[in-house]
Amino acid sequence: MSGPLKVAIVGCGNISTGYAKTMQAHPGKLTLVGAFDTDRSRAEALVKTFGGKAYTTLDELLADPGVEAVCNLTIFAAHVPVITAALNAGKHVHTEKPIALDAGEAQALVRLAREKNLRLSSAPITFMGEAQQTAWKAIRTGRLGTVRVAYAEMNWGRPEKWHPNPAPFFEVGAFYDVGVYPLTLLTTILGPVQRVRAMGTILRPALTDKYGNAFSVTTPDWMCALLEFESGTIARLTVNFYIWESKQQQGVEFHGDQASLFLSTPHDFNGVVELRENGTPDWITLPPVREPYPGVEWARGLTELHDALRAGRPQRPTGAHAAHVVEIIQGVHRANESGEGVTIESRFTSPEPMEWAL
């Protein structure tokens, strides 16, 4: 096939505008065919601004032969049923993170896509950002030597203060919501994780959203995980829904035999990358491999899916990688509950660097 990838969005919540807006910057690669949401007014508002039709039902959207790929932006609990329905309808899928909340369900989606000969792509795609690719290039070209230790932090503030519907985020926990960003980056660069240990707790069991609605927190909103990679690298990852911004505990650090590298964020594409050779006092700022996108270009996963489909190559964000990350997160929660280490069974094929970062 050729031409733009014909995309329909399912789920027109907070992030859908970011996807639709960044899609518009790639008219030669992406076309928004339409959108569906259980609240029809939200789908109508999205297509009124960005084009396409508002579908009455999900079945109507999936039956449309003009839809080549589904962009799944639904709430966490709906990810598996929506992805399953889309694949069974013969549509390629790019889904927001996490691909599933259960490792077994995530692997079942990977198998279904393979059986249907369809693409299953998953966020987070932030490892394809300019800052992240700059850091990866320094590591893979040997500037750090053997990387033996990594530290990562996701201090994600307090979602109840800014998000219109924060309760689902607290229901699944900080690791499923934002821990996926550093986990996807770390596994992209360092490979699969083979064992985890963890400790977590609920810092604030009772909260109120910005509209005054009270809700309870039953999943740890602070969690610290120790990750043992198959390569031998050890990492510590701390994730929470409490700290707005830490002066010292932030970003991602990689420490090797020859040098250390600091990436200010695993999330935004225009983060700062700094390197310090061991035994020297000064950090140097590494120039980005190309001019960074300001913030996150949400549609980059869809443009990558277009490019991969048209070229007949694997896309970089894969369902198998996303399923591995889900197994790590599930293992972290189990380790916290049991106080024991948990073995991670799944593996995945590591993505290739972006062509512009070679």
Protein backbone atom coordinates (compact mmCIF):
# COMPACT_ATOMS: atom_id res chain seq x y z
CA MET A 1 0.00 0.00 0.00
CA SER A 2 1.01 3.59 -0.41
CA GLY A 3 -0.17 7.01 0.65
CA PRO A 4 -1.06 8.32 4.10
CA LEU A 5 -2.01 5.93 6.89
CA LYS A 6 -5.77 6.29 7.43
CA VAL A 7 -6.25 6.53 11.19
CA ALA A 8 -9.35 6.56 13.40
CA ILE A 9 -9.06 7.58 17.04
CA VAL A 10 -10.92 5.63 19.72
CA GLY A 11 -11.20 7.56 22.98
CA CYS A 12 -11.38 11.35 22.77
CA GLY A 13 -10.18 12.30 26.22
CA ASN A 14 -7.40 14.53 27.46
CA ILE A 15 -4.62 13.28 25.18
CA SER A 16 -6.59 12.98 21.93
CA THR A 17 -6.07 16.64 21.05
CA GLY A 18 -2.29 16.20 21.29
CA TYR A 19 -2.45 13.24 18.92
CA ALA A 20 -4.77 14.91 16.42
CA LYS A 21 -2.85 18.18 16.44
CA THR A 22 0.54 16.55 15.84
CA MET A 23 -0.97 14.33 13.13
CA GLN A 24 -1.75 17.46 11.15
CA ALA A 25 1.95 18.18 10.73
CA HIS A 26 2.30 15.01 8.59
CA PRO A 27 -0.38 15.19 5.86
CA GLY A 28 1.70 13.02 3.54
CA LYS A 29 1.82 10.24 6.12
CA LEU A 30 -1.30 10.49 8.28
CA THR A 31 -4.99 11.14 7.64
CA LEU A 32 -7.52 11.37 10.46
CA VAL A 33 -10.55 9.49 9.13
CA GLY A 34 -12.66 9.97 12.24
CA ALA A 35 -13.12 9.29 15.93
CA PHE A 36 -15.32 7.50 18.43
CA ASP A 37 -15.95 8.06 22.11
CA THR A 38 -18.64 6.73 24.43
CA ASP A 39 -19.40 10.41 24.98
CA ARG A 40 -20.35 11.34 21.41
CA SER A 41 -19.94 15.06 22.08
CA ARG A 42 -16.21 14.58 22.64
CA ALA A 43 -15.78 12.77 19.32
CA GLU A 44 -17.80 15.48 17.56
CA ALA A 45 -15.67 18.21 19.11
CA LEU A 46 -12.45 16.48 18.02
CA VAL A 47 -13.45 15.95 14.39
CA LYS A 48 -14.95 19.44 14.17
CA THR A 49 -11.47 20.80 14.87
CA PHE A 50 -9.29 18.25 13.12
CA GLY A 51 -11.47 16.62 10.47
CA GLY A 52 -13.06 13.24 9.84
CA LYS A 53 -16.39 11.85 11.02
CA ALA A 54 -17.75 11.10 14.46
CA TYR A 55 -18.72 7.43 14.53
CA THR A 56 -21.84 6.44 16.45
CA THR A 57 -20.42 3.13 17.71
CA LEU A 58 -17.09 1.35 17.88
CA ASP A 59 -18.51 -1.35 15.60
CA GLU A 60 -19.32 1.28 12.98
CA LEU A 61 -15.75 2.55 13.09
CA LEU A 62 -14.28 -0.94 12.85
CA ALA A 63 -16.56 -1.83 9.93
CA ASP A 64 -15.38 1.16 7.90
CA PRO A 65 -13.06 -0.07 5.11
CA GLY A 66 -11.56 3.41 4.99
CA VAL A 67 -9.96 2.90 8.40
CA GLU A 68 -6.52 1.32 8.09
CA ALA A 69 -5.33 1.76 11.68
CA VAL A 70 -6.92 2.40 15.06
CA CYS A 71 -5.28 4.78 17.50
CA ASN A 72 -6.48 3.58 20.91
CA LEU A 73 -6.59 6.39 23.47
CA THR A 74 -9.16 4.88 25.83
CA ILE A 75 -8.87 4.54 29.62
CA PHE A 76 -6.58 1.82 30.97
CA ALA A 77 -9.30 -0.78 31.58
CA ALA A 78 -10.54 -0.51 27.98
CA HIS A 79 -7.20 -1.07 26.27
CA VAL A 80 -7.41 -4.86 25.95
CA PRO A 81 -11.01 -5.09 24.64
CA VAL A 82 -10.55 -2.23 22.18
CA ILE A 83 -7.24 -3.58 20.84
CA THR A 84 -8.74 -7.07 20.57
CA ALA A 85 -11.78 -5.82 18.66
CA ALA A 86 -9.64 -3.74 16.30
CA LEU A 87 -7.28 -6.59 15.49
CA ASN A 88 -10.18 -8.98 14.94
CA ALA A 89 -11.64 -6.38 12.55
CA GLY A 90 -8.43 -6.42 10.51
CA LYS A 91 -7.08 -3.05 11.66
CA HIS A 92 -3.52 -2.21 12.62
CA VAL A 93 -3.33 -0.71 16.11
CA HIS A 94 -1.29 1.92 17.86
CA THR A 95 -2.29 2.11 21.52
CA GLU A 96 -1.57 4.42 24.38
CA LYS A 97 0.28 2.93 27.32
CA PRO A 98 0.11 0.54 28.96
CA ILE A 99 -0.82 -2.02 26.34
CA ALA A 100 -2.55 -4.01 29.12
CA LEU A 101 -2.62 -4.23 32.90
CA ASP A 102 -1.83 -7.95 32.93
CA ALA A 103 1.21 -9.59 31.34
CA GLY A 104 -0.76 -12.61 30.13
CA GLU A 105 -3.31 -10.39 28.40
CA ALA A 106 -0.51 -8.32 26.86
CA GLN A 107 1.14 -11.43 25.41
CA ALA A 108 -2.23 -12.63 24.10
CA LEU A 109 -2.57 -9.36 22.16
CA VAL A 110 0.91 -9.84 20.68
CA ARG A 111 -0.04 -13.35 19.55
CA LEU A 112 -3.34 -12.16 18.09
CA ALA A 113 -1.63 -9.46 16.03
CA ARG A 114 0.87 -12.01 14.76
CA GLU A 115 -1.90 -14.46 13.84
CA LYS A 116 -3.79 -11.72 11.98
CA ASN A 117 -0.61 -10.48 10.26
CA LEU A 118 -1.29 -7.01 11.65
CA ARG A 119 0.89 -4.41 13.35
CA LEU A 120 0.53 -3.76 17.08
CA SER A 121 2.38 -0.61 18.11
CA SER A 122 2.37 0.81 21.61
CA ALA A 123 3.28 3.93 23.52
CA PRO A 124 5.37 5.18 25.09
CA ILE A 125 7.23 6.23 21.97
CA THR A 126 9.37 8.76 23.83
CA PHE A 127 12.49 6.62 23.32
CA MET A 128 12.30 7.91 19.73
CA GLY A 129 12.75 11.50 20.92
CA GLU A 130 15.83 13.52 20.02
CA ALA A 131 17.18 13.75 23.58
CA GLN A 132 16.66 10.04 24.19
CA GLN A 133 18.29 9.09 20.89
CA THR A 134 21.23 11.40 21.70
CA ALA A 135 21.76 9.62 25.02
CA TRP A 136 21.45 6.19 23.41
CA LYS A 137 23.99 7.05 20.71
CA ALA A 138 26.57 8.08 23.31
CA ILE A 139 26.03 4.80 25.15
CA ARG A 140 26.02 2.42 22.20
CA THR A 141 29.10 4.05 20.63
CA GLY A 142 31.05 3.30 23.80
CA ARG A 143 31.56 6.72 25.34
CA LEU A 144 30.58 5.37 28.77
CA GLY A 145 32.31 2.02 28.46
CA THR A 146 30.38 -0.86 30.03
CA VAL A 147 27.27 0.51 31.74
CA ARG A 148 26.87 -1.21 35.09
CA VAL A 149 24.42 1.03 36.98
CA ALA A 150 21.42 3.18 36.04
CA TYR A 151 19.18 5.41 38.16
CA ALA A 152 15.81 6.78 37.06
CA GLU A 153 13.14 8.93 38.66
CA MET A 154 9.58 9.85 37.70
CA ASN A 155 8.30 12.45 40.14
CA TRP A 156 4.93 13.12 38.51
CA GLY A 157 3.39 15.66 40.82
CA ARG A 158 -0.21 15.19 41.91
CA PRO A 159 -2.59 14.28 39.06
CA GLU A 160 -5.67 15.17 41.07
CA LYS A 161 -4.62 18.82 40.87
CA TRP A 162 -4.57 19.04 37.07
CA HIS A 163 -6.18 16.03 35.36
CA PRO A 164 -9.98 16.16 34.82
CA ASN A 165 -10.34 12.45 35.74
CA PRO A 166 -7.45 11.41 38.04
CA ALA A 167 -9.05 8.43 39.81
CA PRO A 168 -8.17 5.85 37.09
CA PHE A 169 -4.49 6.84 37.32
CA PHE A 170 -4.43 6.18 41.06
CA GLU A 171 -6.40 2.97 40.56
CA VAL A 172 -3.67 1.40 38.41
CA GLY A 173 -0.78 3.11 40.19
CA ALA A 174 2.10 5.36 39.23
CA PHE A 175 4.19 2.57 37.69
CA TYR A 176 1.56 1.70 35.08
CA ASP A 177 0.94 5.34 34.23
CA VAL A 178 4.38 6.97 34.18
CA GLY A 179 6.84 4.24 35.17
CA VAL A 180 6.43 2.97 31.60
CA TYR A 181 8.47 5.93 30.28
CA PRO A 182 11.80 5.18 32.00
CA LEU A 183 11.17 1.42 31.78
CA THR A 184 10.72 1.58 28.00
CA LEU A 185 13.80 3.77 27.63
CA LEU A 186 15.95 1.61 29.92
CA THR A 187 14.95 -1.62 28.18
CA THR A 188 15.48 -0.02 24.76
CA ILE A 189 19.06 0.86 25.67
CA LEU A 190 19.98 -1.94 28.10
CA GLY A 191 17.81 -4.82 26.86
CA PRO A 192 15.37 -7.04 28.77
CA VAL A 193 14.99 -7.24 32.54
CA GLN A 194 15.32 -10.67 34.12
CA ARG A 195 14.51 -10.04 37.80
CA VAL A 196 12.95 -7.34 39.99
CA ARG A 197 12.62 -6.41 43.64
CA ALA A 198 10.49 -3.58 45.00
CA MET A 199 9.04 -1.62 47.88
CA GLY A 200 6.00 0.62 47.65
CA THR A 201 3.37 2.31 49.75
CA ILE A 202 0.27 4.50 49.62
CA LEU A 203 1.30 7.97 50.72
CA ARG A 204 -2.18 9.52 50.52
CA PRO A 205 -5.12 7.10 50.83
CA ALA A 206 -7.90 9.70 50.47
CA LEU A 207 -7.92 12.40 47.79
CA THR A 208 -10.22 14.97 46.19
CA ASP A 209 -10.10 15.94 42.53
CA LYS A 210 -10.18 19.54 41.31
CA TYR A 211 -13.98 19.44 41.12
CA GLY A 212 -14.32 18.43 44.78
CA ASN A 213 -15.07 14.74 44.18
CA ALA A 214 -13.53 12.45 46.79
CA PHE A 215 -11.93 9.12 45.90
CA SER A 216 -9.81 6.48 47.62
CA VAL A 217 -6.31 5.32 46.69
CA THR A 218 -5.76 1.57 46.98
CA THR A 219 -2.65 1.09 44.81
CA PRO A 220 0.83 2.33 45.83
CA ASP A 221 1.37 5.91 44.70
CA TRP A 222 5.07 5.65 45.61
CA MET A 223 7.20 2.74 44.45
CA CYS A 224 10.91 1.97 44.24
CA ALA A 225 12.08 -0.94 42.09
CA LEU A 226 15.43 -2.64 41.67
CA LEU A 227 15.88 -4.06 38.17
CA GLU A 228 18.39 -6.72 37.18
CA PHE A 229 18.96 -6.67 33.42
CA GLU A 230 19.93 -9.72 31.41
CA SER A 231 23.04 -7.79 30.38
CA GLY A 232 24.14 -7.56 34.02
CA THR A 233 23.30 -3.88 34.52
CA ILE A 234 21.52 -2.98 37.76
CA ALA A 235 18.99 -0.12 37.86
CA ARG A 236 17.00 1.65 40.53
CA LEU A 237 13.72 3.25 39.47
CA THR A 238 11.53 5.40 41.74
CA VAL A 239 8.05 6.49 40.60
CA ASN A 240 5.40 8.49 42.45
CA PHE A 241 2.28 10.65 42.29
CA TYR A 242 3.47 12.91 45.10
CA ILE A 243 6.63 14.89 44.42
CA TRP A 244 6.17 17.79 42.00
CA GLU A 245 9.85 18.21 41.20
CA SER A 246 13.00 17.04 42.94
CA LYS A 247 16.15 19.13 42.92
CA GLN A 248 18.49 16.12 42.79
CA GLN A 249 16.33 13.03 42.11
CA GLN A 250 15.27 13.53 38.51
CA GLY A 251 15.74 12.14 35.01
CA VAL A 252 17.84 9.13 34.10
CA GLU A 253 21.49 8.45 34.85
CA PHE A 254 23.72 5.83 33.22
CA HIS A 255 27.04 5.05 34.91
CA GLY A 256 29.79 3.21 33.07
CA ASP A 257 33.43 2.23 33.48
CA GLN A 258 34.59 5.31 31.56
CA ALA A 259 31.93 7.97 32.07
CA SER A 260 28.49 8.87 33.39
CA LEU A 261 25.58 10.27 31.40
CA PHE A 262 22.59 12.31 32.62
CA LEU A 263 19.34 12.65 30.67
CA SER A 264 17.10 15.28 32.25
CA THR A 265 13.86 13.50 31.27
CA PRO A 266 12.78 10.18 29.75
CA HIS A 267 9.62 11.94 28.57
CA ASP A 268 10.18 15.20 26.67
CA PHE A 269 12.06 15.10 23.37
CA ASN A 270 13.98 18.31 24.12
CA GLY A 271 15.61 17.18 27.36
CA VAL A 272 19.23 17.94 28.23
CA VAL A 273 21.94 15.28 27.84
CA GLU A 274 25.15 15.70 29.81
CA LEU A 275 28.26 13.53 30.07
CA ARG A 276 31.13 13.48 32.54
CA GLU A 277 34.23 11.35 32.10
CA ASN A 278 35.22 9.54 35.27
CA GLY A 279 37.82 11.43 37.28
CA THR A 280 37.00 14.82 35.72
CA PRO A 281 35.06 17.59 37.50
CA ASP A 282 32.93 18.96 34.69
CA TRP A 283 29.80 17.81 32.95
CA ILE A 284 29.63 18.62 29.23
CA THR A 285 26.36 19.08 27.35
CA LEU A 286 26.07 16.80 24.34
CA PRO A 287 24.60 18.39 21.22
CA PRO A 288 21.39 16.71 20.09
CA VAL A 289 21.59 14.40 17.10
CA ARG A 290 19.11 16.75 15.41
CA GLU A 291 16.98 19.74 16.38
CA PRO A 292 14.63 18.46 19.09
CA TYR A 293 10.87 18.59 18.96
CA PRO A 294 9.65 20.87 21.79
CA GLY A 295 7.96 18.55 24.26
CA VAL A 296 6.44 15.31 22.94
CA GLU A 297 5.30 14.74 19.36
CA TRP A 298 2.51 12.30 20.16
CA ALA A 299 1.95 11.34 16.53
CA ARG A 300 5.53 10.09 16.12
CA GLY A 301 4.35 6.56 16.89
CA LEU A 302 1.83 6.81 14.06
CA THR A 303 4.32 8.24 11.56
CA GLU A 304 6.68 5.42 12.51
CA LEU A 305 3.87 2.92 11.91
CA HIS A 306 3.25 4.49 8.50
CA ASP A 307 6.92 4.35 7.54
CA ALA A 308 7.31 0.76 8.71
CA LEU A 309 4.19 -0.47 6.93
CA ARG A 310 5.06 1.24 3.66
CA ALA A 311 8.68 0.01 3.79
CA GLY A 312 7.74 -3.50 4.93
CA ARG A 313 9.95 -3.37 8.03
CA PRO A 314 9.17 -3.77 11.76
CA GLN A 315 8.05 -0.62 13.54
CA ARG A 316 10.22 0.42 16.46
CA PRO A 317 7.54 0.51 19.21
CA THR A 318 6.28 -3.07 19.30
CA GLY A 319 3.65 -4.93 21.24
CA ALA A 320 6.25 -7.43 22.41
CA HIS A 321 8.37 -4.68 23.97
CA ALA A 322 5.30 -3.12 25.60
CA ALA A 323 4.24 -6.54 26.94
CA HIS A 324 7.69 -7.01 28.49
CA VAL A 325 7.31 -3.65 30.25
CA VAL A 326 3.89 -4.72 31.56
CA GLU A 327 5.40 -7.92 32.95
CA ILE A 328 8.09 -5.86 34.70
CA ILE A 329 5.46 -3.59 36.28
CA GLN A 330 3.33 -6.53 37.34
CA GLY A 331 6.47 -8.13 38.76
CA VAL A 332 7.28 -4.94 40.67
CA HIS A 333 3.84 -4.97 42.31
CA ARG A 334 4.16 -8.67 43.16
CA ALA A 335 7.62 -8.13 44.60
CA ASN A 336 6.27 -5.33 46.77
CA GLU A 337 3.48 -7.55 48.08
CA SER A 338 5.66 -10.62 48.72
CA GLY A 339 8.92 -8.97 49.77
CA GLU A 340 10.73 -11.35 47.43
CA GLY A 341 12.36 -11.11 44.03
CA VAL A 342 10.28 -11.88 40.94
CA THR A 343 11.64 -13.41 37.73
CA ILE A 344 10.66 -11.81 34.41
CA GLU A 345 10.09 -14.46 31.74
CA SER A 346 9.36 -12.53 28.53
CA ARG A 347 11.88 -11.19 26.03
CA PHE A 348 11.61 -8.91 23.00
CA THR A 349 13.57 -7.81 19.95
CA SER A 350 15.24 -4.48 20.67
CA PRO A 351 14.33 -1.60 18.35
CA GLU A 352 16.72 -0.04 15.90
CA PRO A 353 17.94 3.54 16.49
CA MET A 354 16.28 6.22 14.41
CA GLU A 355 17.93 6.69 11.01
CA TRP A 356 18.81 10.28 11.89
CA ALA A 357 20.56 9.15 15.09
CA LEU A 358 23.00 6.65 13.58
